[in-house]
Amino acid sequence: MAKIGILTQPLGLNYGGILQAFALQHVLREEGHSPIIFNRVHPWYFDVAYYGWGALNFMIGKRPKLRISPNREESAIIKQHTTRFIDEHISITDRIRSTNQLKRTFNRENIDAIIVGSDQVWRESFSPCISNYFLDFLSGNNEIRKVAYVASFGIDYWEYGKNATSTERRSV
């Protein structure tokens, strides 16, 4: 039985992401494997910056564009249910907030293969640390089987700068 790591977008409140993670793990288990999601999330300071900018914009009178999304109470209810579903049905690591922490978790889990996907895992603006999704933390490791599963950039134009393009090209 192979131990298979899965590197996907943070699950959070994302119904589609949660369902694809559940389905992929279900199929891998049916095939006799032991899958685990690497819970790669943004560094703590990303959360501070995100909410800080929102508060600052509010104070100076900049109003966000109208978005149809759940309010705080609705988000809390959704999170309660999605968290319970993840806890009961999806094998997932603790939160991983850095490349070093990802390396340590990968080594501790004794992974035989890694799957990157699905969805927009190669979209720089969506992924917590884009180089991780090109498996930079496994640089030089040719023993681990590496699989891209329905991975996409999610847009029809090139989002990467020259340096990032060069770096990610070497990782593939």
C-alpha atoms as a PDB file:
ATOM      1  CA  MET A   1       0.000   0.000   0.000  1.00  0.00           C
ATOM      2  CA  ALA A   2       1.516   3.308  -1.111  1.00  0.00           C
ATOM      3  CA  LYS A   3       1.280   6.403   1.062  1.00  0.00           C
ATOM      4  CA  ILE A   4       0.206   9.216  -1.272  1.00  0.00           C
ATOM      5  CA  GLY A   5       0.403  12.899  -0.430  1.00  0.00           C
ATOM      6  CA  ILE A   6      -1.977  15.339  -2.088  1.00  0.00           C
ATOM      7  CA  LEU A   7      -1.130  19.004  -2.487  1.00  0.00           C
ATOM      8  CA  THR A   8      -4.244  20.992  -3.389  1.00  0.00           C
ATOM      9  CA  GLN A   9      -5.786  24.381  -2.696  1.00  0.00           C
ATOM     10  CA  PRO A  10      -6.678  25.085   0.943  1.00  0.00           C
ATOM     11  CA  LEU A  11     -10.080  23.486   1.556  1.00  0.00           C
ATOM     12  CA  GLY A  12     -11.690  26.052   3.879  1.00  0.00           C
ATOM     13  CA  LEU A  13     -15.235  26.837   2.746  1.00  0.00           C
ATOM     14  CA  ASN A  14     -14.625  25.738  -0.847  1.00  0.00           C
ATOM     15  CA  TYR A  15     -17.315  23.128  -1.570  1.00  0.00           C
ATOM     16  CA  GLY A  16     -15.776  22.153  -4.909  1.00  0.00           C
ATOM     17  CA  GLY A  17     -12.315  21.774  -3.394  1.00  0.00           C
ATOM     18  CA  ILE A  18     -13.671  19.697  -0.524  1.00  0.00           C
ATOM     19  CA  LEU A  19     -15.622  17.409  -2.853  1.00  0.00           C
ATOM     20  CA  GLN A  20     -12.699  16.863  -5.239  1.00  0.00           C
ATOM     21  CA  ALA A  21     -10.412  16.080  -2.279  1.00  0.00           C
ATOM     22  CA  PHE A  22     -12.966  13.626  -0.898  1.00  0.00           C
ATOM     23  CA  ALA A  23     -13.458  11.959  -4.307  1.00  0.00           C
ATOM     24  CA  LEU A  24      -9.729  11.654  -5.013  1.00  0.00           C
ATOM     25  CA  GLN A  25      -9.051  10.163  -1.585  1.00  0.00           C
ATOM     26  CA  HIS A  26     -11.988   7.774  -1.995  1.00  0.00           C
ATOM     27  CA  VAL A  27     -10.652   6.472  -5.333  1.00  0.00           C
ATOM     28  CA  LEU A  28      -7.099   6.148  -3.972  1.00  0.00           C
ATOM     29  CA  ARG A  29      -8.379   4.180  -0.953  1.00  0.00           C
ATOM     30  CA  GLU A  30     -10.412   1.924  -3.261  1.00  0.00           C
ATOM     31  CA  GLU A  31      -7.169   1.225  -5.137  1.00  0.00           C
ATOM     32  CA  GLY A  32      -5.506   0.197  -1.862  1.00  0.00           C
ATOM     33  CA  HIS A  33      -3.502   3.354  -1.147  1.00  0.00           C
ATOM     34  CA  SER A  34      -3.286   5.552   1.930  1.00  0.00           C
ATOM     35  CA  PRO A  35      -3.829   9.196   0.870  1.00  0.00           C
ATOM     36  CA  ILE A  36      -3.321  12.340   2.947  1.00  0.00           C
ATOM     37  CA  ILE A  37      -3.913  15.991   2.044  1.00  0.00           C
ATOM     38  CA  PHE A  38      -1.094  18.392   2.847  1.00  0.00           C
ATOM     39  CA  ASN A  39      -2.980  21.291   4.425  1.00  0.00           C
ATOM     40  CA  ARG A  40      -0.804  24.040   2.894  1.00  0.00           C
ATOM     41  CA  VAL A  41      -2.196  27.431   3.887  1.00  0.00           C
ATOM     42  CA  HIS A  42      -0.950  31.001   3.652  1.00  0.00           C
ATOM     43  CA  PRO A  43       1.593  32.202   6.234  1.00  0.00           C
ATOM     44  CA  TRP A  44       0.038  33.861   9.299  1.00  0.00           C
ATOM     45  CA  TYR A  45       1.091  37.318   8.134  1.00  0.00           C
ATOM     46  CA  PHE A  46      -1.002  36.914   4.971  1.00  0.00           C
ATOM     47  CA  ASP A  47      -4.144  36.829   7.127  1.00  0.00           C
ATOM     48  CA  VAL A  48      -3.005  39.921   9.029  1.00  0.00           C
ATOM     49  CA  ALA A  49      -2.236  41.804   5.807  1.00  0.00           C
ATOM     50  CA  TYR A  50      -5.488  40.731   4.132  1.00  0.00           C
ATOM     51  CA  TYR A  51      -7.702  41.878   6.987  1.00  0.00           C
ATOM     52  CA  GLY A  52      -5.497  44.895   7.711  1.00  0.00           C
ATOM     53  CA  TRP A  53      -5.897  46.207   4.154  1.00  0.00           C
ATOM     54  CA  GLY A  54      -9.633  45.683   4.374  1.00  0.00           C
ATOM     55  CA  ALA A  55      -9.843  47.642   7.626  1.00  0.00           C
ATOM     56  CA  LEU A  56      -7.604  50.411   6.287  1.00  0.00           C
ATOM     57  CA  ASN A  57      -9.676  50.767   3.117  1.00  0.00           C
ATOM     58  CA  PHE A  58     -12.841  50.909   5.198  1.00  0.00           C
ATOM     59  CA  MET A  59     -11.393  53.657   7.441  1.00  0.00           C
ATOM     60  CA  ILE A  60     -10.404  55.844   4.487  1.00  0.00           C
ATOM     61  CA  GLY A  61     -13.816  55.436   2.920  1.00  0.00           C
ATOM     62  CA  LYS A  62     -13.003  52.965   0.162  1.00  0.00           C
ATOM     63  CA  ARG A  63     -15.869  50.560  -0.080  1.00  0.00           C
ATOM     64  CA  PRO A  64     -15.371  47.102  -1.524  1.00  0.00           C
ATOM     65  CA  LYS A  65     -17.140  46.161  -4.721  1.00  0.00           C
ATOM     66  CA  LEU A  66     -20.447  44.474  -4.136  1.00  0.00           C
ATOM     67  CA  ARG A  67     -19.900  40.760  -3.706  1.00  0.00           C
ATOM     68  CA  ILE A  68     -22.525  38.162  -3.205  1.00  0.00           C
ATOM     69  CA  SER A  69     -21.036  36.009  -0.516  1.00  0.00           C
ATOM     70  CA  PRO A  70     -22.035  34.744   2.897  1.00  0.00           C
ATOM     71  CA  ASN A  71     -22.004  37.174   5.796  1.00  0.00           C
ATOM     72  CA  ARG A  72     -20.140  36.336   9.029  1.00  0.00           C
ATOM     73  CA  GLU A  73     -23.007  34.380  10.563  1.00  0.00           C
ATOM     74  CA  GLU A  74     -23.568  32.370   7.389  1.00  0.00           C
ATOM     75  CA  SER A  75     -19.820  31.754   7.023  1.00  0.00           C
ATOM     76  CA  ALA A  76     -19.665  30.467  10.608  1.00  0.00           C
ATOM     77  CA  ILE A  77     -22.474  28.000   9.910  1.00  0.00           C
ATOM     78  CA  ILE A  78     -20.888  26.878   6.635  1.00  0.00           C
ATOM     79  CA  LYS A  79     -17.485  26.492   8.320  1.00  0.00           C
ATOM     80  CA  GLN A  80     -19.017  24.401  11.102  1.00  0.00           C
ATOM     81  CA  HIS A  81     -20.421  21.936   8.567  1.00  0.00           C
ATOM     82  CA  THR A  82     -17.466  21.877   6.167  1.00  0.00           C
ATOM     83  CA  THR A  83     -15.019  21.417   9.053  1.00  0.00           C
ATOM     84  CA  ARG A  84     -17.054  18.501  10.395  1.00  0.00           C
ATOM     85  CA  PHE A  85     -17.171  16.899   6.927  1.00  0.00           C
ATOM     86  CA  ILE A  86     -13.408  17.307   6.480  1.00  0.00           C
ATOM     87  CA  ASP A  87     -12.706  15.910   9.958  1.00  0.00           C
ATOM     88  CA  GLU A  88     -14.929  12.878   9.361  1.00  0.00           C
ATOM     89  CA  HIS A  89     -14.134  12.057   5.732  1.00  0.00           C
ATOM     90  CA  ILE A  90     -10.809  13.518   4.632  1.00  0.00           C
ATOM     91  CA  SER A  91      -7.356  12.534   5.833  1.00  0.00           C
ATOM     92  CA  ILE A  92      -5.505  15.836   6.235  1.00  0.00           C
ATOM     93  CA  THR A  93      -2.404  17.124   8.024  1.00  0.00           C
ATOM     94  CA  ASP A  94      -2.323  19.982  10.484  1.00  0.00           C
ATOM     95  CA  ARG A  95      -1.941  23.432   8.923  1.00  0.00           C
ATOM     96  CA  ILE A  96       1.321  23.906   7.058  1.00  0.00           C
ATOM     97  CA  ARG A  97       2.429  27.546   6.796  1.00  0.00           C
ATOM     98  CA  SER A  98       5.957  27.323   5.333  1.00  0.00           C
ATOM     99  CA  THR A  99       8.104  25.356   2.913  1.00  0.00           C
ATOM    100  CA  ASN A 100      10.267  24.049   5.767  1.00  0.00           C
ATOM    101  CA  GLN A 101       7.184  22.854   7.623  1.00  0.00           C
ATOM    102  CA  LEU A 102       5.969  21.199   4.406  1.00  0.00           C
ATOM    103  CA  LYS A 103       9.314  19.367   4.021  1.00  0.00           C
ATOM    104  CA  ARG A 104       9.211  18.166   7.631  1.00  0.00           C
ATOM    105  CA  THR A 105       5.618  16.967   7.301  1.00  0.00           C
ATOM    106  CA  PHE A 106       6.391  15.233   4.000  1.00  0.00           C
ATOM    107  CA  ASN A 107       9.333  13.368   5.550  1.00  0.00           C
ATOM    108  CA  ARG A 108       7.416  12.483   8.722  1.00  0.00           C
ATOM    109  CA  GLU A 109       4.535  10.995   6.699  1.00  0.00           C
ATOM    110  CA  ASN A 110       6.873   8.689   4.699  1.00  0.00           C
ATOM    111  CA  ILE A 111       5.240   9.562   1.382  1.00  0.00           C
ATOM    112  CA  ASP A 112       5.784   7.274  -1.630  1.00  0.00           C
ATOM    113  CA  ALA A 113       4.133   9.536  -4.223  1.00  0.00           C
ATOM    114  CA  ILE A 114       2.673  13.023  -4.420  1.00  0.00           C
ATOM    115  CA  ILE A 115      -0.251  14.341  -6.426  1.00  0.00           C
ATOM    116  CA  VAL A 116      -0.575  18.052  -7.198  1.00  0.00           C
ATOM    117  CA  GLY A 117      -4.136  19.034  -8.037  1.00  0.00           C
ATOM    118  CA  SER A 118      -6.801  19.431  -8.836  1.00  0.00           C
ATOM    119  CA  ASP A 119      -8.118  22.824  -9.820  1.00  0.00           C
ATOM    120  CA  GLN A 120      -6.122  26.040 -10.085  1.00  0.00           C
ATOM    121  CA  VAL A 121      -3.102  24.882  -8.072  1.00  0.00           C
ATOM    122  CA  TRP A 122      -0.708  26.582 -10.496  1.00  0.00           C
ATOM    123  CA  ARG A 123      -2.461  29.947 -10.275  1.00  0.00           C
ATOM    124  CA  GLU A 124      -0.016  32.137  -8.411  1.00  0.00           C
ATOM    125  CA  SER A 125      -2.635  34.457  -6.926  1.00  0.00           C
ATOM    126  CA  PHE A 126      -4.595  31.524  -5.437  1.00  0.00           C
ATOM    127  CA  SER A 127      -1.834  29.306  -4.062  1.00  0.00           C
ATOM    128  CA  PRO A 128      -0.240  29.864  -0.643  1.00  0.00           C
ATOM    129  CA  CYS A 129       3.325  29.373  -1.968  1.00  0.00           C
ATOM    130  CA  ILE A 130       3.330  28.745  -5.698  1.00  0.00           C
ATOM    131  CA  SER A 131       6.778  27.128  -5.793  1.00  0.00           C
ATOM    132  CA  ASN A 132       5.501  24.405  -3.427  1.00  0.00           C
ATOM    133  CA  TYR A 133       2.895  23.471  -6.042  1.00  0.00           C
ATOM    134  CA  PHE A 134       5.754  22.917  -8.492  1.00  0.00           C
ATOM    135  CA  LEU A 135       7.297  20.642  -5.810  1.00  0.00           C
ATOM    136  CA  ASP A 136      10.324  22.813  -5.035  1.00  0.00           C
ATOM    137  CA  PHE A 137      10.556  21.126  -1.639  1.00  0.00           C
ATOM    138  CA  LEU A 138      11.367  17.851  -3.436  1.00  0.00           C
ATOM    139  CA  SER A 139      14.119  19.340  -5.582  1.00  0.00           C
ATOM    140  CA  GLY A 140      16.627  16.623  -6.452  1.00  0.00           C
ATOM    141  CA  ASN A 141      14.418  13.845  -5.055  1.00  0.00           C
ATOM    142  CA  ASN A 142      13.904  11.388  -7.899  1.00  0.00           C
ATOM    143  CA  GLU A 143      12.649   8.554  -5.689  1.00  0.00           C
ATOM    144  CA  ILE A 144       9.209  10.069  -5.158  1.00  0.00           C
ATOM    145  CA  ARG A 145       6.646   9.602  -7.930  1.00  0.00           C
ATOM    146  CA  LYS A 146       5.219  13.022  -8.855  1.00  0.00           C
ATOM    147  CA  VAL A 147       1.817  13.360 -10.518  1.00  0.00           C
ATOM    148  CA  ALA A 148      -0.110  16.403 -11.774  1.00  0.00           C
ATOM    149  CA  TYR A 149      -3.830  15.678 -11.500  1.00  0.00           C
ATOM    150  CA  VAL A 150      -6.186  18.025 -13.376  1.00  0.00           C
ATOM    151  CA  ALA A 151      -3.900  20.916 -12.412  1.00  0.00           C
ATOM    152  CA  SER A 152      -4.491  24.223 -14.130  1.00  0.00           C
ATOM    153  CA  PHE A 153      -3.445  27.862 -14.224  1.00  0.00           C
ATOM    154  CA  GLY A 154      -7.125  28.855 -14.268  1.00  0.00           C
ATOM    155  CA  ILE A 155      -6.701  31.822 -16.604  1.00  0.00           C
ATOM    156  CA  ASP A 156      -6.032  32.369 -20.292  1.00  0.00           C
ATOM    157  CA  TYR A 157      -3.035  34.677 -19.898  1.00  0.00           C
ATOM    158  CA  TRP A 158       0.430  34.229 -18.373  1.00  0.00           C
ATOM    159  CA  GLU A 159       0.414  35.469 -14.774  1.00  0.00           C
ATOM    160  CA  TYR A 160       4.070  34.774 -13.937  1.00  0.00           C
ATOM    161  CA  GLY A 161       6.980  37.194 -14.235  1.00  0.00           C
ATOM    162  CA  LYS A 162      10.266  36.245 -15.927  1.00  0.00           C
ATOM    163  CA  ASN A 163      12.002  35.134 -12.709  1.00  0.00           C
ATOM    164  CA  ALA A 164       9.073  33.021 -11.531  1.00  0.00           C
ATOM    165  CA  THR A 165       8.703  31.446 -14.975  1.00  0.00           C
ATOM    166  CA  SER A 166      12.373  30.465 -14.971  1.00  0.00           C
ATOM    167  CA  THR A 167      12.220  29.109 -11.416  1.00  0.00           C
ATOM    168  CA  GLU A 168       9.047  27.071 -11.941  1.00  0.00           C
ATOM    169  CA  ARG A 169      10.295  25.735 -15.295  1.00  0.00           C
ATOM    170  CA  ARG A 170      13.303  24.201 -13.514  1.00  0.00           C
ATOM    171  CA  SER A 171      10.978  22.554 -10.975  1.00  0.00           C
ATOM    172  CA  VAL A 172       8.869  20.722 -13.540  1.00  0.00           C
END
